[in-house]
N, C-alpha and C. Protein backbone atom coordinates (compact mmCIF):
# COMPACT_ATOMS: atom_id res chain seq x y z
N MET A 1 157.33 82.91 51.46
CA MET A 1 157.84 81.32 51.20
C MET A 1 156.89 80.38 52.34
N PHE A 2 156.99 79.20 51.76
CA PHE A 2 156.60 78.61 52.62
C PHE A 2 157.71 77.91 53.55
N PRO A 3 157.71 77.31 54.57
CA PRO A 3 158.68 76.74 55.07
C PRO A 3 159.36 75.10 54.32
N MET A 4 160.62 74.36 54.68
CA MET A 4 160.22 73.30 53.97
C MET A 4 160.35 72.21 55.36
N MET A 5 159.56 71.55 55.31
CA MET A 5 158.47 70.62 56.12
C MET A 5 159.25 69.17 56.05
N ARG A 6 159.65 68.24 57.05
CA ARG A 6 159.27 66.89 56.81
C ARG A 6 158.54 65.97 57.42
N ILE A 7 158.11 65.05 56.81
CA ILE A 7 156.81 63.92 56.91
C ILE A 7 156.97 62.86 56.55
N SER A 8 156.53 62.07 57.58
CA SER A 8 157.07 60.60 57.40
C SER A 8 155.95 59.98 56.24
N VAL A 9 157.25 58.71 55.95
CA VAL A 9 156.22 57.85 54.95
C VAL A 9 154.81 57.68 55.37
N GLU A 10 154.60 57.06 56.64
CA GLU A 10 153.82 56.55 56.90
C GLU A 10 152.78 57.75 57.08
N ASP A 11 153.01 58.94 58.04
CA ASP A 11 152.09 59.64 58.16
C ASP A 11 151.07 60.32 56.58
N VAL A 12 152.05 59.73 55.34
CA VAL A 12 151.37 60.34 54.67
C VAL A 12 150.32 58.96 53.68
N LYS A 13 150.72 57.85 54.26
CA LYS A 13 149.86 56.96 54.41
C LYS A 13 149.06 56.78 54.97
N GLU A 14 149.13 57.48 55.92
CA GLU A 14 147.81 57.51 56.89
C GLU A 14 146.62 58.50 56.64
N SER A 15 147.27 59.19 55.39
CA SER A 15 146.08 60.87 55.55
C SER A 15 145.19 60.11 54.54
N SER A 16 143.88 61.28 54.29
CA SER A 16 143.04 61.06 53.56
C SER A 16 142.86 62.49 53.14
N LEU A 17 141.94 62.03 52.02
CA LEU A 17 141.28 63.51 51.67
C LEU A 17 140.58 64.19 51.92
N PRO A 18 141.10 65.31 52.30
CA PRO A 18 139.64 66.48 52.89
C PRO A 18 138.77 66.74 52.20
N ARG A 19 137.81 67.29 52.88
CA ARG A 19 136.67 67.54 51.95
C ARG A 19 136.60 69.18 51.48
N CYS A 20 136.34 69.54 50.49
CA CYS A 20 136.33 70.96 50.55
C CYS A 20 134.90 71.95 49.99
N LEU A 21 135.12 73.00 50.09
CA LEU A 21 134.00 73.70 49.68
C LEU A 21 134.28 74.90 49.04
N SER A 22 133.70 74.60 47.45
CA SER A 22 134.07 75.66 46.20
C SER A 22 132.72 76.18 46.10
N THR A 23 132.62 77.62 45.42
CA THR A 23 131.59 78.36 45.23
C THR A 23 132.31 79.12 44.35
N GLY A 24 131.09 79.96 43.37
CA GLY A 24 131.42 80.31 42.16
C GLY A 24 130.25 80.45 41.27
N PHE A 25 130.50 80.95 39.83
CA PHE A 25 129.11 80.67 39.03
C PHE A 25 129.68 80.05 38.21
N LEU A 26 128.19 79.13 38.21
CA LEU A 26 128.21 77.80 37.47
C LEU A 26 128.57 77.88 35.60
N ILE A 27 129.86 77.61 35.17
CA ILE A 27 130.09 77.93 33.58
C ILE A 27 129.53 76.75 33.37
N ASP A 28 130.38 75.47 33.42
CA ASP A 28 129.60 73.97 33.02
C ASP A 28 129.42 72.89 34.04
N ASP A 29 128.36 71.92 33.56
CA ASP A 29 127.70 71.25 34.43
C ASP A 29 127.46 69.46 33.48
N ASN A 30 128.75 68.78 33.61
CA ASN A 30 128.65 68.13 32.54
C ASN A 30 129.06 66.34 33.52
N GLU A 31 128.70 65.32 32.63
CA GLU A 31 128.91 63.85 33.28
C GLU A 31 130.55 63.71 33.60
N GLU A 32 131.69 64.65 33.54
CA GLU A 32 132.62 64.57 33.82
C GLU A 32 133.54 65.82 34.70
N MET A 33 132.76 66.59 34.80
CA MET A 33 133.66 68.14 35.43
C MET A 33 132.24 69.27 35.39
N ILE A 34 132.37 70.13 36.69
CA ILE A 34 132.05 70.93 36.91
C ILE A 34 132.89 72.26 36.93
N ARG A 35 132.79 73.09 36.49
CA ARG A 35 133.53 74.37 35.59
C ARG A 35 132.71 75.50 36.57
N ILE A 36 133.70 76.23 37.23
CA ILE A 36 133.16 77.58 38.06
C ILE A 36 134.30 78.55 38.13
N VAL A 37 133.66 79.85 37.86
CA VAL A 37 134.61 80.83 38.01
C VAL A 37 133.80 82.08 39.18
N SER A 38 135.17 82.87 39.49
CA SER A 38 134.72 83.29 40.63
C SER A 38 134.75 85.08 40.34
N ASP A 39 135.25 85.16 39.04
CA ASP A 39 135.76 86.44 38.96
C ASP A 39 135.21 86.79 36.92
N PHE A 40 134.29 88.27 36.76
CA PHE A 40 134.31 88.66 35.37
C PHE A 40 134.25 89.64 35.33
N ASN A 41 135.12 89.97 34.14
CA ASN A 41 135.46 91.21 33.62
C ASN A 41 134.27 91.64 32.36
N PHE A 42 133.71 92.99 32.45
CA PHE A 42 132.84 93.23 31.73
C PHE A 42 133.37 94.52 30.96
N ASN A 43 132.67 94.51 29.93
CA ASN A 43 132.65 95.61 28.46
C ASN A 43 132.17 96.96 29.02
N ASP A 44 132.09 97.78 28.27
CA ASP A 44 131.19 98.74 28.46
C ASP A 44 130.07 98.85 27.99
N ASP A 45 129.41 97.45 27.51
CA ASP A 45 127.88 97.72 26.90
C ASP A 45 127.39 96.93 28.33
N GLY A 46 128.00 95.87 28.95
CA GLY A 46 127.27 95.08 30.03
C GLY A 46 127.55 93.52 30.30
N SER A 47 128.15 93.52 28.65
CA SER A 47 128.81 91.89 28.30
C SER A 47 129.74 91.87 29.13
N ILE A 48 130.10 90.26 29.21
CA ILE A 48 130.94 89.60 29.85
C ILE A 48 132.05 89.74 28.98
N ASP A 49 133.41 90.01 29.25
CA ASP A 49 134.82 90.01 28.69
C ASP A 49 135.90 88.72 28.31
N GLU A 50 135.56 88.84 29.85
CA GLU A 50 136.65 87.71 30.59
C GLU A 50 136.16 86.95 32.02
N CYS A 51 136.97 86.07 32.05
CA CYS A 51 136.40 85.52 33.65
C CYS A 51 137.89 84.88 34.15
N GLY A 52 137.60 85.20 35.44
CA GLY A 52 138.69 84.57 36.17
C GLY A 52 138.41 83.48 37.10
N ASN A 53 139.53 83.63 37.80
CA ASN A 53 139.82 82.16 39.26
C ASN A 53 139.33 81.02 38.52
N SER A 54 139.33 80.49 37.54
CA SER A 54 138.33 79.43 37.13
C SER A 54 138.48 78.02 38.00
N THR A 55 138.04 77.09 38.47
CA THR A 55 137.92 75.91 39.28
C THR A 55 137.32 74.99 38.47
N ILE A 56 138.35 73.65 38.25
CA ILE A 56 137.24 72.21 37.54
C ILE A 56 137.67 71.25 38.06
N ILE A 57 136.60 71.24 38.66
CA ILE A 57 136.53 69.72 40.03
C ILE A 57 135.60 68.27 38.83
N PRO A 58 136.64 67.40 39.13
CA PRO A 58 136.31 66.08 38.42
C PRO A 58 134.79 65.73 39.53
N LYS A 59 133.56 65.42 38.36
CA LYS A 59 132.44 64.60 38.64
C LYS A 59 132.71 64.04 39.99
N SER A 60 133.70 63.19 39.45
CA SER A 60 133.63 61.71 40.37
C SER A 60 134.22 61.90 42.14
N VAL A 61 134.42 62.83 41.81
CA VAL A 61 135.22 63.87 43.36
C VAL A 61 133.89 64.58 44.25
N VAL A 62 132.81 65.24 43.38
CA VAL A 62 131.50 66.16 44.08
C VAL A 62 130.64 64.84 44.55
N GLN A 63 130.49 65.36 46.17
CA GLN A 63 129.12 65.04 46.80
C GLN A 63 127.76 65.68 46.64
N GLU A 64 128.30 66.80 46.45
CA GLU A 64 126.67 67.84 47.03
C GLU A 64 127.36 68.85 46.06
N VAL A 65 125.96 69.95 45.05
CA VAL A 65 126.23 70.85 44.42
C VAL A 65 124.67 71.93 44.94
N LYS A 66 124.75 72.63 45.38
CA LYS A 66 123.35 73.32 46.03
C LYS A 66 123.65 74.80 45.23
N GLU A 67 122.53 75.57 45.22
CA GLU A 67 122.55 76.92 44.13
C GLU A 67 122.38 77.53 46.06
N VAL A 68 122.86 78.97 45.78
CA VAL A 68 123.34 79.45 46.56
C VAL A 68 122.42 81.14 45.88
N SER A 69 121.47 81.35 46.67
CA SER A 69 120.82 82.39 46.04
C SER A 69 120.75 83.57 46.95
């Protein structure tokens, strides 16, 4: 469990958004959002059954997208 912390209103007002790095398999990339997943489950025939650990990121906050090979 995380400890309870006390933070002043001034600290919160001065905070800025952090820059984050997310990696995963690109599922959808449209005008509004990018959707990635990091895990797949496969059927016996090799087809994808389910995916997990999905992340949806609003396009308005995306600074850069790079393909990783």
